[in-house]
Amino acid sequence: MFPIRFLFKVSEPELKINAGCGPGEFFPRLLTGWVNLDLAYNHPKYGHVNLTSEWPFPDSSASAVYSEDFIEHLDQRGQIIFLSEALRVLRPGGIIRTVCPELCKTIVRKRFFPDYPRVGARFIRSGVEWHEWGHQLLPTREYMARILELVGFVKIKQFKQNKSRIPDFPGDKRPLSDRREEDELYLEALKPASAKF
């Protein structure tokens, strides 16, 4: 694993952060030209950073923050800290993109409610969607949009897979066969030009 000082230079013209990039066991998540960060895995090509604490970047230093299949692994407090730090390190006009499964669509896809409430309750109790994959809080679109807004982001918009306002965006890896594109949130938001940091 590289120390963060080797991954980042303050003078870099286009700092882009891939936050919570994961181990790449199922598919590669390391993005070329991006600073790839994670805490849970020891990998030689990314920075070992706790993304629910202060990030090791100056204020207003990044043009983009991307997180795919990560934010649902955080509890509510962790999600708010993560989004707040993303806002802090983004430049005015910088873009955050978060991709994750959406709670209501996940429940609908399982087709348990309302016709089979007992089976549905068993599914929820089993924790398959949560504990088997380490999910803590699967957001709804409304929840994520409101939290992004409360933290300070503007121009919050749902996109389709691989469509983005980020210049030269390398594309989303998810979903795989376990989910459908329509079950995913592809939300982007901007740091306002008037932000104080």
C-alpha atoms as a PDB file:
ATOM      1  CA  MET A   1       0.000   0.000   0.000  1.00  0.00           C
ATOM      2  CA  PHE A   2       1.322   3.453  -0.924  1.00  0.00           C
ATOM      3  CA  PRO A   3       1.481   6.154   1.740  1.00  0.00           C
ATOM      4  CA  ILE A   4      -0.996   8.845   0.820  1.00  0.00           C
ATOM      5  CA  ARG A   5       1.782  11.388   0.259  1.00  0.00           C
ATOM      6  CA  PHE A   6       2.932   9.367  -2.754  1.00  0.00           C
ATOM      7  CA  LEU A   7      -0.581   9.185  -4.183  1.00  0.00           C
ATOM      8  CA  PHE A   8      -1.409  12.864  -3.934  1.00  0.00           C
ATOM      9  CA  LYS A   9       0.342  16.098  -4.784  1.00  0.00           C
ATOM     10  CA  VAL A  10      -1.310  19.419  -3.929  1.00  0.00           C
ATOM     11  CA  SER A  11      -0.236  20.730  -7.325  1.00  0.00           C
ATOM     12  CA  GLU A  12      -2.049  17.962  -9.246  1.00  0.00           C
ATOM     13  CA  PRO A  13      -4.346  19.709 -11.727  1.00  0.00           C
ATOM     14  CA  GLU A  14      -7.089  17.067 -11.649  1.00  0.00           C
ATOM     15  CA  LEU A  15      -7.304  15.215  -8.359  1.00  0.00           C
ATOM     16  CA  LYS A  16     -10.105  12.644  -8.597  1.00  0.00           C
ATOM     17  CA  ILE A  17     -10.860  10.382  -5.648  1.00  0.00           C
ATOM     18  CA  ASN A  18     -12.248   6.845  -5.926  1.00  0.00           C
ATOM     19  CA  ALA A  19     -13.557   6.409  -2.379  1.00  0.00           C
ATOM     20  CA  GLY A  20     -14.108   2.914  -0.995  1.00  0.00           C
ATOM     21  CA  CYS A  21     -12.671   1.145  -4.032  1.00  0.00           C
ATOM     22  CA  GLY A  22     -12.662  -2.284  -2.366  1.00  0.00           C
ATOM     23  CA  PRO A  23     -10.459  -5.276  -3.084  1.00  0.00           C
ATOM     24  CA  GLY A  24     -11.388  -5.868  -6.710  1.00  0.00           C
ATOM     25  CA  GLU A  25     -12.050  -9.554  -5.989  1.00  0.00           C
ATOM     26  CA  PHE A  26     -15.146  -9.714  -8.179  1.00  0.00           C
ATOM     27  CA  PHE A  27     -14.242  -7.000 -10.675  1.00  0.00           C
ATOM     28  CA  PRO A  28     -11.492  -4.369 -10.827  1.00  0.00           C
ATOM     29  CA  ARG A  29     -12.394  -1.142  -9.071  1.00  0.00           C
ATOM     30  CA  LEU A  30      -9.041   0.579  -9.292  1.00  0.00           C
ATOM     31  CA  LEU A  31      -9.417   3.568 -11.596  1.00  0.00           C
ATOM     32  CA  THR A  32      -6.431   4.760 -13.631  1.00  0.00           C
ATOM     33  CA  GLY A  33      -5.700   8.423 -13.052  1.00  0.00           C
ATOM     34  CA  TRP A  34      -7.685   8.473  -9.808  1.00  0.00           C
ATOM     35  CA  VAL A  35      -6.511   8.250  -6.201  1.00  0.00           C
ATOM     36  CA  ASN A  36      -8.014   4.942  -5.042  1.00  0.00           C
ATOM     37  CA  LEU A  37      -8.836   4.798  -1.316  1.00  0.00           C
ATOM     38  CA  ASP A  38     -10.073   2.113   1.060  1.00  0.00           C
ATOM     39  CA  LEU A  39      -9.583   1.085   4.675  1.00  0.00           C
ATOM     40  CA  ALA A  40     -10.801  -2.493   4.793  1.00  0.00           C
ATOM     41  CA  TYR A  41      -8.342  -4.060   2.359  1.00  0.00           C
ATOM     42  CA  ASN A  42      -4.573  -4.064   2.109  1.00  0.00           C
ATOM     43  CA  HIS A  43      -3.784  -3.507  -1.555  1.00  0.00           C
ATOM     44  CA  PRO A  44      -0.513  -2.172  -2.964  1.00  0.00           C
ATOM     45  CA  LYS A  45      -2.198   0.228  -5.390  1.00  0.00           C
ATOM     46  CA  TYR A  46      -4.328   2.362  -3.131  1.00  0.00           C
ATOM     47  CA  GLY A  47      -4.249   4.496  -0.025  1.00  0.00           C
ATOM     48  CA  HIS A  48      -5.319   3.009   3.295  1.00  0.00           C
ATOM     49  CA  VAL A  49      -7.726   5.731   4.516  1.00  0.00           C
ATOM     50  CA  ASN A  50     -10.643   5.792   6.961  1.00  0.00           C
ATOM     51  CA  LEU A  51     -13.324   7.563   4.920  1.00  0.00           C
ATOM     52  CA  THR A  52     -15.492   8.177   8.012  1.00  0.00           C
ATOM     53  CA  SER A  53     -12.810  10.391   9.499  1.00  0.00           C
ATOM     54  CA  GLU A  54     -10.974  13.447   8.182  1.00  0.00           C
ATOM     55  CA  TRP A  55      -9.524  12.741   4.738  1.00  0.00           C
ATOM     56  CA  PRO A  56      -5.832  13.556   4.117  1.00  0.00           C
ATOM     57  CA  PHE A  57      -6.523  16.182   1.444  1.00  0.00           C
ATOM     58  CA  PRO A  58      -6.693  19.974   1.605  1.00  0.00           C
ATOM     59  CA  ASP A  59      -9.965  21.843   1.339  1.00  0.00           C
ATOM     60  CA  SER A  60     -11.208  22.393  -2.225  1.00  0.00           C
ATOM     61  CA  SER A  61      -8.528  20.212  -3.816  1.00  0.00           C
ATOM     62  CA  ALA A  62     -10.468  17.593  -5.840  1.00  0.00           C
ATOM     63  CA  SER A  63     -12.527  17.869  -8.990  1.00  0.00           C
ATOM     64  CA  ALA A  64     -14.472  14.631  -8.406  1.00  0.00           C
ATOM     65  CA  VAL A  65     -15.286  12.041  -5.745  1.00  0.00           C
ATOM     66  CA  TYR A  66     -16.680   8.701  -6.880  1.00  0.00           C
ATOM     67  CA  SER A  67     -18.015   5.948  -4.655  1.00  0.00           C
ATOM     68  CA  GLU A  68     -19.508   2.727  -5.991  1.00  0.00           C
ATOM     69  CA  ASP A  69     -21.037   0.092  -3.733  1.00  0.00           C
ATOM     70  CA  PHE A  70     -19.568   1.757  -0.660  1.00  0.00           C
ATOM     71  CA  ILE A  71     -21.928   4.163   1.097  1.00  0.00           C
ATOM     72  CA  GLU A  72     -24.431   1.409   1.969  1.00  0.00           C
ATOM     73  CA  HIS A  73     -21.660  -0.240   4.035  1.00  0.00           C
ATOM     74  CA  LEU A  74     -21.688   2.761   6.418  1.00  0.00           C
ATOM     75  CA  ASP A  75     -24.118   3.495   9.209  1.00  0.00           C
ATOM     76  CA  GLN A  76     -26.014   6.783   9.155  1.00  0.00           C
ATOM     77  CA  ARG A  77     -23.345   8.714  11.050  1.00  0.00           C
ATOM     78  CA  GLY A  78     -20.634   7.336   8.763  1.00  0.00           C
ATOM     79  CA  GLN A  79     -22.623   8.301   5.670  1.00  0.00           C
ATOM     80  CA  ILE A  80     -22.978  11.890   6.841  1.00  0.00           C
ATOM     81  CA  ILE A  81     -19.272  12.168   7.732  1.00  0.00           C
ATOM     82  CA  PHE A  82     -18.319  10.650   4.369  1.00  0.00           C
ATOM     83  CA  LEU A  83     -20.474  13.110   2.427  1.00  0.00           C
ATOM     84  CA  SER A  84     -19.280  16.054   4.545  1.00  0.00           C
ATOM     85  CA  GLU A  85     -15.634  15.202   3.875  1.00  0.00           C
ATOM     86  CA  ALA A  86     -16.361  14.795   0.171  1.00  0.00           C
ATOM     87  CA  LEU A  87     -17.907  18.275   0.168  1.00  0.00           C
ATOM     88  CA  ARG A  88     -14.898  19.709   2.002  1.00  0.00           C
ATOM     89  CA  VAL A  89     -12.261  18.328  -0.361  1.00  0.00           C
ATOM     90  CA  LEU A  90     -14.166  19.066  -3.566  1.00  0.00           C
ATOM     91  CA  ARG A  91     -13.487  22.305  -5.399  1.00  0.00           C
ATOM     92  CA  PRO A  92     -16.454  24.623  -5.969  1.00  0.00           C
ATOM     93  CA  GLY A  93     -18.340  23.027  -8.856  1.00  0.00           C
ATOM     94  CA  GLY A  94     -16.743  19.650  -8.085  1.00  0.00           C
ATOM     95  CA  ILE A  95     -18.878  16.542  -8.515  1.00  0.00           C
ATOM     96  CA  ILE A  96     -19.675  13.668  -6.182  1.00  0.00           C
ATOM     97  CA  ARG A  97     -21.131  10.481  -7.682  1.00  0.00           C
ATOM     98  CA  THR A  98     -22.495   7.751  -5.428  1.00  0.00           C
ATOM     99  CA  VAL A  99     -23.691   4.400  -6.767  1.00  0.00           C
ATOM    100  CA  CYS A 100     -25.454   1.934  -4.479  1.00  0.00           C
ATOM    101  CA  PRO A 101     -28.467  -0.393  -4.239  1.00  0.00           C
ATOM    102  CA  GLU A 102     -31.764   1.336  -3.441  1.00  0.00           C
ATOM    103  CA  LEU A 103     -33.769  -0.039  -0.494  1.00  0.00           C
ATOM    104  CA  CYS A 104     -37.304   0.040  -1.890  1.00  0.00           C
ATOM    105  CA  LYS A 105     -36.282  -1.385  -5.247  1.00  0.00           C
ATOM    106  CA  THR A 106     -34.356  -4.149  -3.473  1.00  0.00           C
ATOM    107  CA  ILE A 107     -37.459  -5.133  -1.513  1.00  0.00           C
ATOM    108  CA  VAL A 108     -39.665  -4.967  -4.619  1.00  0.00           C
ATOM    109  CA  ARG A 109     -37.163  -7.072  -6.589  1.00  0.00           C
ATOM    110  CA  LYS A 110     -37.421  -9.808  -3.945  1.00  0.00           C
ATOM    111  CA  ARG A 111     -41.224  -9.766  -4.557  1.00  0.00           C
ATOM    112  CA  PHE A 112     -42.134 -10.601  -0.966  1.00  0.00           C
ATOM    113  CA  PHE A 113     -44.251  -7.585  -0.045  1.00  0.00           C
ATOM    114  CA  PRO A 114     -47.184  -7.079   0.045  1.00  0.00           C
ATOM    115  CA  ASP A 115     -48.342 -10.524  -1.175  1.00  0.00           C
ATOM    116  CA  TYR A 116     -46.098 -12.597   1.070  1.00  0.00           C
ATOM    117  CA  PRO A 117     -45.507 -10.514   4.202  1.00  0.00           C
ATOM    118  CA  ARG A 118     -44.450 -13.496   6.322  1.00  0.00           C
ATOM    119  CA  VAL A 119     -41.838 -14.497   3.733  1.00  0.00           C
ATOM    120  CA  GLY A 120     -40.836 -10.853   3.390  1.00  0.00           C
ATOM    121  CA  ALA A 121     -40.362 -10.498   7.130  1.00  0.00           C
ATOM    122  CA  ARG A 122     -38.273 -13.680   7.111  1.00  0.00           C
ATOM    123  CA  PHE A 123     -36.120 -12.185   4.339  1.00  0.00           C
ATOM    124  CA  ILE A 124     -35.577  -9.004   6.356  1.00  0.00           C
ATOM    125  CA  ARG A 125     -34.833 -10.986   9.542  1.00  0.00           C
ATOM    126  CA  SER A 126     -32.384 -13.214   7.690  1.00  0.00           C
ATOM    127  CA  GLY A 127     -30.296 -10.162   6.930  1.00  0.00           C
ATOM    128  CA  VAL A 128     -29.116 -11.573   3.602  1.00  0.00           C
ATOM    129  CA  GLU A 129     -29.127  -8.175   1.912  1.00  0.00           C
ATOM    130  CA  TRP A 130     -27.422  -6.622   4.927  1.00  0.00           C
ATOM    131  CA  HIS A 131     -25.154  -8.930   6.882  1.00  0.00           C
ATOM    132  CA  GLU A 132     -24.121 -11.266   4.074  1.00  0.00           C
ATOM    133  CA  TRP A 133     -22.792  -8.298   2.106  1.00  0.00           C
ATOM    134  CA  GLY A 134     -21.889  -6.052   5.046  1.00  0.00           C
ATOM    135  CA  HIS A 135     -24.575  -3.481   4.250  1.00  0.00           C
ATOM    136  CA  GLN A 136     -25.477  -1.181   7.135  1.00  0.00           C
ATOM    137  CA  LEU A 137     -27.985   1.275   5.672  1.00  0.00           C
ATOM    138  CA  LEU A 138     -29.485   0.821   2.217  1.00  0.00           C
ATOM    139  CA  PRO A 139     -30.717   4.291   1.238  1.00  0.00           C
ATOM    140  CA  THR A 140     -33.750   5.317  -0.747  1.00  0.00           C
ATOM    141  CA  ARG A 141     -33.401   7.942  -3.457  1.00  0.00           C
ATOM    142  CA  GLU A 142     -35.254  10.472  -1.298  1.00  0.00           C
ATOM    143  CA  TYR A 143     -33.037   9.802   1.720  1.00  0.00           C
ATOM    144  CA  MET A 144     -29.798  10.161  -0.248  1.00  0.00           C
ATOM    145  CA  ALA A 145     -30.961  13.307  -2.034  1.00  0.00           C
ATOM    146  CA  ARG A 146     -32.012  14.899   1.256  1.00  0.00           C
ATOM    147  CA  ILE A 147     -28.768  14.003   3.057  1.00  0.00           C
ATOM    148  CA  LEU A 148     -26.705  15.362   0.140  1.00  0.00           C
ATOM    149  CA  GLU A 149     -28.743  18.569   0.311  1.00  0.00           C
ATOM    150  CA  LEU A 150     -28.454  18.897   4.096  1.00  0.00           C
ATOM    151  CA  VAL A 151     -24.679  18.412   3.942  1.00  0.00           C
ATOM    152  CA  GLY A 152     -24.476  21.251   1.423  1.00  0.00           C
ATOM    153  CA  PHE A 153     -24.543  19.794  -2.092  1.00  0.00           C
ATOM    154  CA  VAL A 154     -26.647  21.264  -4.895  1.00  0.00           C
ATOM    155  CA  LYS A 155     -27.944  20.152  -8.309  1.00  0.00           C
ATOM    156  CA  ILE A 156     -28.633  16.614  -7.127  1.00  0.00           C
ATOM    157  CA  LYS A 157     -29.607  14.400 -10.036  1.00  0.00           C
ATOM    158  CA  GLN A 158     -30.228  10.718 -10.746  1.00  0.00           C
ATOM    159  CA  PHE A 159     -28.286   9.423 -13.753  1.00  0.00           C
ATOM    160  CA  LYS A 160     -28.240   6.172 -15.666  1.00  0.00           C
ATOM    161  CA  GLN A 161     -25.370   3.708 -15.528  1.00  0.00           C
ATOM    162  CA  ASN A 162     -22.190   5.077 -17.161  1.00  0.00           C
ATOM    163  CA  LYS A 163     -23.763   8.524 -17.750  1.00  0.00           C
ATOM    164  CA  SER A 164     -22.075  11.270 -15.749  1.00  0.00           C
ATOM    165  CA  ARG A 165     -21.222  14.959 -15.521  1.00  0.00           C
ATOM    166  CA  ILE A 166     -17.646  13.946 -14.590  1.00  0.00           C
ATOM    167  CA  PRO A 167     -15.373  14.592 -17.583  1.00  0.00           C
ATOM    168  CA  ASP A 168     -13.763  11.398 -18.942  1.00  0.00           C
ATOM    169  CA  PHE A 169     -15.750   9.281 -16.493  1.00  0.00           C
ATOM    170  CA  PRO A 170     -14.439   5.685 -16.721  1.00  0.00           C
ATOM    171  CA  GLY A 171     -17.850   4.072 -16.188  1.00  0.00           C
ATOM    172  CA  ASP A 172     -19.635   2.164 -13.436  1.00  0.00           C
ATOM    173  CA  LYS A 173     -18.826  -1.480 -12.740  1.00  0.00           C
ATOM    174  CA  ARG A 174     -22.163  -2.280 -11.103  1.00  0.00           C
ATOM    175  CA  PRO A 175     -24.590  -3.879 -11.344  1.00  0.00           C
ATOM    176  CA  LEU A 176     -23.506  -7.436 -11.964  1.00  0.00           C
ATOM    177  CA  SER A 177     -25.879 -10.388 -12.314  1.00  0.00           C
ATOM    178  CA  ASP A 178     -27.108 -10.018  -8.715  1.00  0.00           C
ATOM    179  CA  ARG A 179     -28.853  -6.692  -9.384  1.00  0.00           C
ATOM    180  CA  ARG A 180     -30.453  -4.753 -12.216  1.00  0.00           C
ATOM    181  CA  GLU A 181     -29.544  -1.261 -13.358  1.00  0.00           C
ATOM    182  CA  GLU A 182     -32.992  -0.001 -12.388  1.00  0.00           C
ATOM    183  CA  ASP A 183     -32.391  -1.214  -8.798  1.00  0.00           C
ATOM    184  CA  GLU A 184     -29.372   1.091  -8.405  1.00  0.00           C
ATOM    185  CA  LEU A 185     -28.998   4.704  -7.363  1.00  0.00           C
ATOM    186  CA  TYR A 186     -26.638   6.690  -9.610  1.00  0.00           C
ATOM    187  CA  LEU A 187     -26.750  10.050  -7.853  1.00  0.00           C
ATOM    188  CA  GLU A 188     -24.556  13.047  -8.597  1.00  0.00           C
ATOM    189  CA  ALA A 189     -24.366  16.394  -6.848  1.00  0.00           C
ATOM    190  CA  LEU A 190     -22.196  19.502  -7.054  1.00  0.00           C
ATOM    191  CA  LYS A 191     -20.330  21.530  -4.467  1.00  0.00           C
ATOM    192  CA  PRO A 192     -21.772  25.033  -4.740  1.00  0.00           C
ATOM    193  CA  ALA A 193     -19.602  27.870  -5.993  1.00  0.00           C
ATOM    194  CA  SER A 194     -20.416  29.801  -2.806  1.00  0.00           C
ATOM    195  CA  ALA A 195     -19.081  27.109  -0.437  1.00  0.00           C
ATOM    196  CA  LYS A 196     -16.836  28.503   2.341  1.00  0.00           C
ATOM    197  CA  PHE A 197     -14.118  25.837   2.058  1.00  0.00           C
END
